C-alpha atoms as a PDB file:
ATOM      1  CA  UNK A   1       0.000   0.000   0.000  1.00  0.00           C
ATOM      2  CA  UNK A   2       1.140   3.515  -0.807  1.00  0.00           C
ATOM      3  CA  UNK A   3      -0.412   6.553   0.884  1.00  0.00           C
ATOM      4  CA  UNK A   4       0.509   9.742  -0.985  1.00  0.00           C
ATOM      5  CA  UNK A   5       0.337  12.840   1.201  1.00  0.00           C
ATOM      6  CA  UNK A   6      -0.434  15.812  -1.065  1.00  0.00           C
ATOM      7  CA  UNK A   7       0.205  18.279   1.799  1.00  0.00           C
ATOM      8  CA  UNK A   8      -0.463  21.845   0.582  1.00  0.00           C
ATOM      9  CA  UNK A   9       2.138  22.126  -2.143  1.00  0.00           C
ATOM     10  CA  UNK A  10       1.113  24.702  -4.737  1.00  0.00           C
ATOM     11  CA  UNK A  11       0.881  22.129  -7.506  1.00  0.00           C
ATOM     12  CA  UNK A  12      -1.973  20.428  -5.618  1.00  0.00           C
ATOM     13  CA  UNK A  13      -4.105  23.578  -5.604  1.00  0.00           C
ATOM     14  CA  UNK A  14      -7.126  23.793  -7.910  1.00  0.00           C
ATOM     15  CA  UNK A  15      -6.991  21.329 -10.789  1.00  0.00           C
ATOM     16  CA  UNK A  16      -3.663  19.991  -9.506  1.00  0.00           C
ATOM     17  CA  UNK A  17      -5.228  17.815  -6.856  1.00  0.00           C
ATOM     18  CA  UNK A  18      -7.497  16.073  -9.361  1.00  0.00           C
ATOM     19  CA  UNK A  19      -4.619  15.554 -11.776  1.00  0.00           C
ATOM     20  CA  UNK A  20      -2.424  13.909  -9.146  1.00  0.00           C
ATOM     21  CA  UNK A  21      -5.272  11.838  -7.721  1.00  0.00           C
ATOM     22  CA  UNK A  22      -6.032  10.534 -11.224  1.00  0.00           C
ATOM     23  CA  UNK A  23      -2.418   9.435 -11.531  1.00  0.00           C
ATOM     24  CA  UNK A  24      -2.707   7.577  -8.225  1.00  0.00           C
ATOM     25  CA  UNK A  25      -5.850   5.835  -9.437  1.00  0.00           C
ATOM     26  CA  UNK A  26      -4.370   4.987 -12.840  1.00  0.00           C
ATOM     27  CA  UNK A  27      -1.215   3.427 -11.400  1.00  0.00           C
ATOM     28  CA  UNK A  28      -3.198   1.553  -8.747  1.00  0.00           C
ATOM     29  CA  UNK A  29      -5.573   0.038 -11.311  1.00  0.00           C
ATOM     30  CA  UNK A  30      -2.719  -0.837 -13.640  1.00  0.00           C
ATOM     31  CA  UNK A  31      -0.555  -2.551 -11.007  1.00  0.00           C
ATOM     32  CA  UNK A  32      -3.059  -3.807  -8.432  1.00  0.00           C
ATOM     33  CA  UNK A  33      -1.185  -1.978  -5.669  1.00  0.00           C
ATOM     34  CA  UNK A  34      -3.424   0.058  -3.393  1.00  0.00           C
ATOM     35  CA  UNK A  35      -2.629   3.781  -3.613  1.00  0.00           C
ATOM     36  CA  UNK A  36      -4.512   6.272  -1.458  1.00  0.00           C
ATOM     37  CA  UNK A  37      -4.327  10.038  -2.050  1.00  0.00           C
ATOM     38  CA  UNK A  38      -4.185  11.975   1.223  1.00  0.00           C
ATOM     39  CA  UNK A  39      -5.637  15.370   0.421  1.00  0.00           C
ATOM     40  CA  UNK A  40      -6.717  18.611   2.046  1.00  0.00           C
ATOM     41  CA  UNK A  41     -10.162  18.535   3.636  1.00  0.00           C
ATOM     42  CA  UNK A  42     -11.065  21.209   1.080  1.00  0.00           C
ATOM     43  CA  UNK A  43     -10.647  18.693  -1.742  1.00  0.00           C
ATOM     44  CA  UNK A  44     -11.966  15.442  -0.339  1.00  0.00           C
ATOM     45  CA  UNK A  45     -15.513  15.773  -1.721  1.00  0.00           C
ATOM     46  CA  UNK A  46     -14.296  16.663  -5.209  1.00  0.00           C
ATOM     47  CA  UNK A  47     -11.872  13.727  -5.375  1.00  0.00           C
ATOM     48  CA  UNK A  48     -14.516  11.299  -4.146  1.00  0.00           C
ATOM     49  CA  UNK A  49     -17.231  12.510  -6.506  1.00  0.00           C
ATOM     50  CA  UNK A  50     -15.045  12.742  -9.613  1.00  0.00           C
ATOM     51  CA  UNK A  51     -12.851   9.683  -9.140  1.00  0.00           C
ATOM     52  CA  UNK A  52     -14.808   7.420  -6.788  1.00  0.00           C
ATOM     53  CA  UNK A  53     -11.593   6.185  -5.174  1.00  0.00           C
ATOM     54  CA  UNK A  54     -10.573   5.757  -1.559  1.00  0.00           C
ATOM     55  CA  UNK A  55      -9.359   9.088  -0.244  1.00  0.00           C
ATOM     56  CA  UNK A  56      -8.046  10.258   3.131  1.00  0.00           C
ATOM     57  CA  UNK A  57      -7.537  13.706   4.578  1.00  0.00           C
ATOM     58  CA  UNK A  58      -4.351  14.957   6.211  1.00  0.00           C
ATOM     59  CA  UNK A  59      -5.837  15.774   9.597  1.00  0.00           C
ATOM     60  CA  UNK A  60      -9.024  16.089  11.603  1.00  0.00           C
ATOM     61  CA  UNK A  61      -9.610  17.918  14.863  1.00  0.00           C
ATOM     62  CA  UNK A  62     -10.891  16.792  18.223  1.00  0.00           C
ATOM     63  CA  UNK A  63     -14.169  18.648  17.821  1.00  0.00           C
ATOM     64  CA  UNK A  64     -16.774  16.441  16.185  1.00  0.00           C
ATOM     65  CA  UNK A  65     -19.608  19.003  16.062  1.00  0.00           C
ATOM     66  CA  UNK A  66     -20.728  22.252  17.635  1.00  0.00           C
ATOM     67  CA  UNK A  67     -19.536  25.844  18.009  1.00  0.00           C
ATOM     68  CA  UNK A  68     -15.907  25.272  17.013  1.00  0.00           C
ATOM     69  CA  UNK A  69     -15.226  27.612  14.086  1.00  0.00           C
ATOM     70  CA  UNK A  70     -12.427  26.529  11.781  1.00  0.00           C
ATOM     71  CA  UNK A  71     -12.226  22.974  13.067  1.00  0.00           C
ATOM     72  CA  UNK A  72     -12.200  19.913  10.817  1.00  0.00           C
ATOM     73  CA  UNK A  73     -14.764  17.421  12.103  1.00  0.00           C
ATOM     74  CA  UNK A  74     -14.124  13.701  11.485  1.00  0.00           C
ATOM     75  CA  UNK A  75     -17.867  13.234  11.046  1.00  0.00           C
ATOM     76  CA  UNK A  76     -18.090  16.026   8.487  1.00  0.00           C
ATOM     77  CA  UNK A  77     -15.140  14.643   6.530  1.00  0.00           C
ATOM     78  CA  UNK A  78     -16.761  11.207   6.424  1.00  0.00           C
ATOM     79  CA  UNK A  79     -20.061  12.679   5.224  1.00  0.00           C
ATOM     80  CA  UNK A  80     -18.156  14.562   2.520  1.00  0.00           C
ATOM     81  CA  UNK A  81     -16.861  11.241   1.175  1.00  0.00           C
ATOM     82  CA  UNK A  82     -13.599  10.880   3.056  1.00  0.00           C
ATOM     83  CA  UNK A  83     -12.626   7.320   3.927  1.00  0.00           C
ATOM     84  CA  UNK A  84     -10.033   8.115   6.563  1.00  0.00           C
ATOM     85  CA  UNK A  85      -7.391  10.446   7.908  1.00  0.00           C
ATOM     86  CA  UNK A  86      -3.876  10.823   9.171  1.00  0.00           C
ATOM     87  CA  UNK A  87      -3.632  11.865  12.791  1.00  0.00           C
ATOM     88  CA  UNK A  88      -0.674  13.245  14.754  1.00  0.00           C
ATOM     89  CA  UNK A  89       1.553  13.882  11.747  1.00  0.00           C
ATOM     90  CA  UNK A  90       4.785  15.609  12.791  1.00  0.00           C
ATOM     91  CA  UNK A  91       3.594  18.722  10.981  1.00  0.00           C
ATOM     92  CA  UNK A  92       0.273  18.663  12.838  1.00  0.00           C
ATOM     93  CA  UNK A  93       0.866  17.133  16.251  1.00  0.00           C
ATOM     94  CA  UNK A  94      -1.802  16.394  18.862  1.00  0.00           C
ATOM     95  CA  UNK A  95      -1.519  15.664  22.560  1.00  0.00           C
ATOM     96  CA  UNK A  96      -1.784  11.987  23.554  1.00  0.00           C
ATOM     97  CA  UNK A  97      -4.777  12.729  25.782  1.00  0.00           C
ATOM     98  CA  UNK A  98      -6.550  14.446  22.905  1.00  0.00           C
ATOM     99  CA  UNK A  99      -6.009  11.451  20.625  1.00  0.00           C
ATOM    100  CA  UNK A 100      -7.338   8.995  23.211  1.00  0.00           C
ATOM    101  CA  UNK A 101     -10.394  11.180  23.757  1.00  0.00           C
ATOM    102  CA  UNK A 102     -11.041  11.346  20.002  1.00  0.00           C
ATOM    103  CA  UNK A 103     -10.884   7.578  19.640  1.00  0.00           C
ATOM    104  CA  UNK A 104     -13.693   7.118  22.138  1.00  0.00           C
ATOM    105  CA  UNK A 105     -16.075   8.844  19.707  1.00  0.00           C
ATOM    106  CA  UNK A 106     -14.419   7.794  16.451  1.00  0.00           C
ATOM    107  CA  UNK A 107     -16.802   7.347  13.477  1.00  0.00           C
ATOM    108  CA  UNK A 108     -17.324   3.748  12.370  1.00  0.00           C
ATOM    109  CA  UNK A 109     -15.668   2.673   9.113  1.00  0.00           C
ATOM    110  CA  UNK A 110     -13.447   5.772   9.083  1.00  0.00           C
ATOM    111  CA  UNK A 111      -9.819   4.710   8.687  1.00  0.00           C
ATOM    112  CA  UNK A 112      -7.362   6.084  11.226  1.00  0.00           C
ATOM    113  CA  UNK A 113      -3.657   6.168  10.428  1.00  0.00           C
ATOM    114  CA  UNK A 114      -1.818   7.206  13.568  1.00  0.00           C
ATOM    115  CA  UNK A 115       1.535   8.854  12.865  1.00  0.00           C
ATOM    116  CA  UNK A 116       4.391   8.299  15.310  1.00  0.00           C
ATOM    117  CA  UNK A 117       7.727  10.091  15.072  1.00  0.00           C
ATOM    118  CA  UNK A 118       9.693   8.019  17.574  1.00  0.00           C
ATOM    119  CA  UNK A 119      10.007   4.659  19.253  1.00  0.00           C
ATOM    120  CA  UNK A 120       9.362   6.446  22.532  1.00  0.00           C
ATOM    121  CA  UNK A 121       5.842   7.366  21.456  1.00  0.00           C
ATOM    122  CA  UNK A 122       5.155   3.777  20.446  1.00  0.00           C
ATOM    123  CA  UNK A 123       6.444   2.457  23.771  1.00  0.00           C
ATOM    124  CA  UNK A 124       4.526   4.930  25.934  1.00  0.00           C
ATOM    125  CA  UNK A 125       1.089   6.400  25.257  1.00  0.00           C
ATOM    126  CA  UNK A 126       0.545   4.806  21.825  1.00  0.00           C
ATOM    127  CA  UNK A 127       1.071   1.203  22.894  1.00  0.00           C
ATOM    128  CA  UNK A 128      -2.573   0.745  23.856  1.00  0.00           C
ATOM    129  CA  UNK A 129      -4.069   2.737  20.985  1.00  0.00           C
ATOM    130  CA  UNK A 130      -5.637   0.640  18.229  1.00  0.00           C
ATOM    131  CA  UNK A 131      -5.767   2.540  14.918  1.00  0.00           C
ATOM    132  CA  UNK A 132      -6.189   0.932  11.504  1.00  0.00           C
ATOM    133  CA  UNK A 133      -2.598   1.759  10.568  1.00  0.00           C
ATOM    134  CA  UNK A 134       0.542   2.966  12.320  1.00  0.00           C
ATOM    135  CA  UNK A 135       2.750   5.299  10.280  1.00  0.00           C
ATOM    136  CA  UNK A 136       6.313   5.652  11.546  1.00  0.00           C
ATOM    137  CA  UNK A 137       7.938   8.903  10.396  1.00  0.00           C
ATOM    138  CA  UNK A 138      10.967  10.368  12.205  1.00  0.00           C
ATOM    139  CA  UNK A 139      10.452  14.134  12.055  1.00  0.00           C
ATOM    140  CA  UNK A 140      14.075  14.994  11.211  1.00  0.00           C
ATOM    141  CA  UNK A 141      13.969  12.881   8.039  1.00  0.00           C
ATOM    142  CA  UNK A 142      10.717  14.199   6.565  1.00  0.00           C
ATOM    143  CA  UNK A 143      11.442  15.796   3.192  1.00  0.00           C
ATOM    144  CA  UNK A 144      15.068  14.629   3.105  1.00  0.00           C
ATOM    145  CA  UNK A 145      16.457  14.037  -0.378  1.00  0.00           C
ATOM    146  CA  UNK A 146      19.445  11.910   0.587  1.00  0.00           C
ATOM    147  CA  UNK A 147      18.451  10.109   3.796  1.00  0.00           C
ATOM    148  CA  UNK A 148      15.407   8.047   4.674  1.00  0.00           C
ATOM    149  CA  UNK A 149      13.923   6.150   7.565  1.00  0.00           C
ATOM    150  CA  UNK A 150      14.958   2.941   5.792  1.00  0.00           C
ATOM    151  CA  UNK A 151      18.635   3.929   5.686  1.00  0.00           C
ATOM    152  CA  UNK A 152      18.890   5.730   9.030  1.00  0.00           C
ATOM    153  CA  UNK A 153      16.399   3.955  11.324  1.00  0.00           C
ATOM    154  CA  UNK A 154      15.882   0.404   9.997  1.00  0.00           C
ATOM    155  CA  UNK A 155      16.163  -1.138  13.457  1.00  0.00           C
ATOM    156  CA  UNK A 156      13.294   1.066  14.704  1.00  0.00           C
ATOM    157  CA  UNK A 157      11.060  -0.051  11.829  1.00  0.00           C
ATOM    158  CA  UNK A 158      11.621  -3.644  12.875  1.00  0.00           C
ATOM    159  CA  UNK A 159      10.873  -2.874  16.535  1.00  0.00           C
ATOM    160  CA  UNK A 160       7.659  -1.005  15.779  1.00  0.00           C
ATOM    161  CA  UNK A 161       6.434  -3.766  13.471  1.00  0.00           C
ATOM    162  CA  UNK A 162       7.046  -6.234  16.292  1.00  0.00           C
ATOM    163  CA  UNK A 163       5.177  -4.002  18.758  1.00  0.00           C
ATOM    164  CA  UNK A 164       2.079  -3.926  16.561  1.00  0.00           C
ATOM    165  CA  UNK A 165       1.668  -7.491  15.252  1.00  0.00           C
ATOM    166  CA  UNK A 166      -2.023  -6.970  14.436  1.00  0.00           C
ATOM    167  CA  UNK A 167      -1.785  -3.449  13.007  1.00  0.00           C
ATOM    168  CA  UNK A 168      -0.247  -2.771   9.567  1.00  0.00           C
ATOM    169  CA  UNK A 169       2.728  -0.420   9.746  1.00  0.00           C
ATOM    170  CA  UNK A 170       3.454   2.198   7.092  1.00  0.00           C
ATOM    171  CA  UNK A 171       6.896   3.738   6.832  1.00  0.00           C
ATOM    172  CA  UNK A 172       7.583   7.338   5.871  1.00  0.00           C
ATOM    173  CA  UNK A 173      10.119  10.178   6.061  1.00  0.00           C
ATOM    174  CA  UNK A 174      12.644  10.628   3.283  1.00  0.00           C
ATOM    175  CA  UNK A 175      11.475   7.682   1.171  1.00  0.00           C
ATOM    176  CA  UNK A 176      12.994   8.502  -2.204  1.00  0.00           C
ATOM    177  CA  UNK A 177      13.925   5.271  -3.934  1.00  0.00           C
ATOM    178  CA  UNK A 178      12.693   1.743  -4.637  1.00  0.00           C
ATOM    179  CA  UNK A 179      15.461   0.497  -2.342  1.00  0.00           C
ATOM    180  CA  UNK A 180      13.913   2.381   0.582  1.00  0.00           C
ATOM    181  CA  UNK A 181      10.639   0.603  -0.104  1.00  0.00           C
ATOM    182  CA  UNK A 182      12.293  -2.802  -0.411  1.00  0.00           C
ATOM    183  CA  UNK A 183      14.068  -2.384   2.930  1.00  0.00           C
ATOM    184  CA  UNK A 184      10.867  -1.273   4.652  1.00  0.00           C
ATOM    185  CA  UNK A 185       8.862  -4.215   3.324  1.00  0.00           C
ATOM    186  CA  UNK A 186      11.619  -6.665   4.198  1.00  0.00           C
ATOM    187  CA  UNK A 187      11.521  -5.398   7.785  1.00  0.00           C
ATOM    188  CA  UNK A 188       7.804  -6.115   7.997  1.00  0.00           C
ATOM    189  CA  UNK A 189       6.136  -2.866   6.961  1.00  0.00           C
ATOM    190  CA  UNK A 190       2.974  -3.214   4.865  1.00  0.00           C
ATOM    191  CA  UNK A 191       3.378   0.005   2.960  1.00  0.00           C
ATOM    192  CA  UNK A 192       4.733   3.519   2.797  1.00  0.00           C
ATOM    193  CA  UNK A 193       3.540   7.051   3.491  1.00  0.00           C
ATOM    194  CA  UNK A 194       5.206   9.307   0.962  1.00  0.00           C
ATOM    195  CA  UNK A 195       4.948  12.904  -0.160  1.00  0.00           C
ATOM    196  CA  UNK A 196       7.535  15.110  -1.876  1.00  0.00           C
ATOM    197  CA  UNK A 197       9.198  12.304  -3.848  1.00  0.00           C
ATOM    198  CA  UNK A 198       5.909  11.885  -5.713  1.00  0.00           C
ATOM    199  CA  UNK A 199       4.044  15.165  -5.309  1.00  0.00           C
ATOM    200  CA  UNK A 200       6.939  17.454  -6.277  1.00  0.00           C
ATOM    201  CA  UNK A 201       8.299  15.214  -9.025  1.00  0.00           C
ATOM    202  CA  UNK A 202       8.049  16.241 -12.677  1.00  0.00           C
ATOM    203  CA  UNK A 203       6.860  12.734 -13.531  1.00  0.00           C
ATOM    204  CA  UNK A 204       4.878  11.398 -10.545  1.00  0.00           C
ATOM    205  CA  UNK A 205       3.338   8.585 -12.593  1.00  0.00           C
ATOM    206  CA  UNK A 206       6.734   7.196 -13.515  1.00  0.00           C
ATOM    207  CA  UNK A 207       7.948   7.362  -9.906  1.00  0.00           C
ATOM    208  CA  UNK A 208       4.821   5.665  -8.586  1.00  0.00           C
ATOM    209  CA  UNK A 209       5.208   2.889 -11.139  1.00  0.00           C
ATOM    210  CA  UNK A 210       8.783   2.337  -9.956  1.00  0.00           C
ATOM    211  CA  UNK A 211       7.690   2.025  -6.345  1.00  0.00           C
ATOM    212  CA  UNK A 212       4.778  -0.323  -7.061  1.00  0.00           C
ATOM    213  CA  UNK A 213       7.178  -2.850  -8.573  1.00  0.00           C
ATOM    214  CA  UNK A 214       8.637  -3.374  -5.102  1.00  0.00           C
ATOM    215  CA  UNK A 215       5.219  -4.447  -3.785  1.00  0.00           C
ATOM    216  CA  UNK A 216       4.545  -6.751  -6.709  1.00  0.00           C
ATOM    217  CA  UNK A 217       7.882  -8.516  -6.283  1.00  0.00           C
ATOM    218  CA  UNK A 218       7.290  -8.764  -2.539  1.00  0.00           C
ATOM    219  CA  UNK A 219       4.033 -10.731  -2.919  1.00  0.00           C
END
């Protein structure tokens, strides 16, 4: 599985988000590898209605309904067509207590990918949390062009996979080559969470095709 975080890069504004999401869908259908676009809450309805594919948002807030201007409600995202969300990304952190409180009222059939930036988080407050996916992304490696979690923290990937035997682990931060994907899968990860290597590339379709080959060979 490949989750592609569109973030709010300028090339995903306006028609850009549909263009990139279509590439994700095309490559997924061609290869059989699941690819999920992770878009802004502003775009989730459009992507769902035009492409009919699984789509996640990049974040939701702890306020599910009520007088909370500017908040992103998990319930509202689901009703807009969103299938899931990232939560606690290093660029949008939440307090452990807030996350636990949110999970008590979590919408049914709304995929939660909990992002962790360290082994310490996994060993402490997150050890009893049961999301649909765990995404391990060391903050200092996010966006790196020459280092990745697979080259710098492979032993942590293995430990986190072992800690969550019943929860699929995605690996992110600095993933920029098929080799990074191969290492992650070999260590037990079920997929990757990736952004700039795809979103900011001049040929995102070509790069996605390269990465999907690692999953096909790993079957």
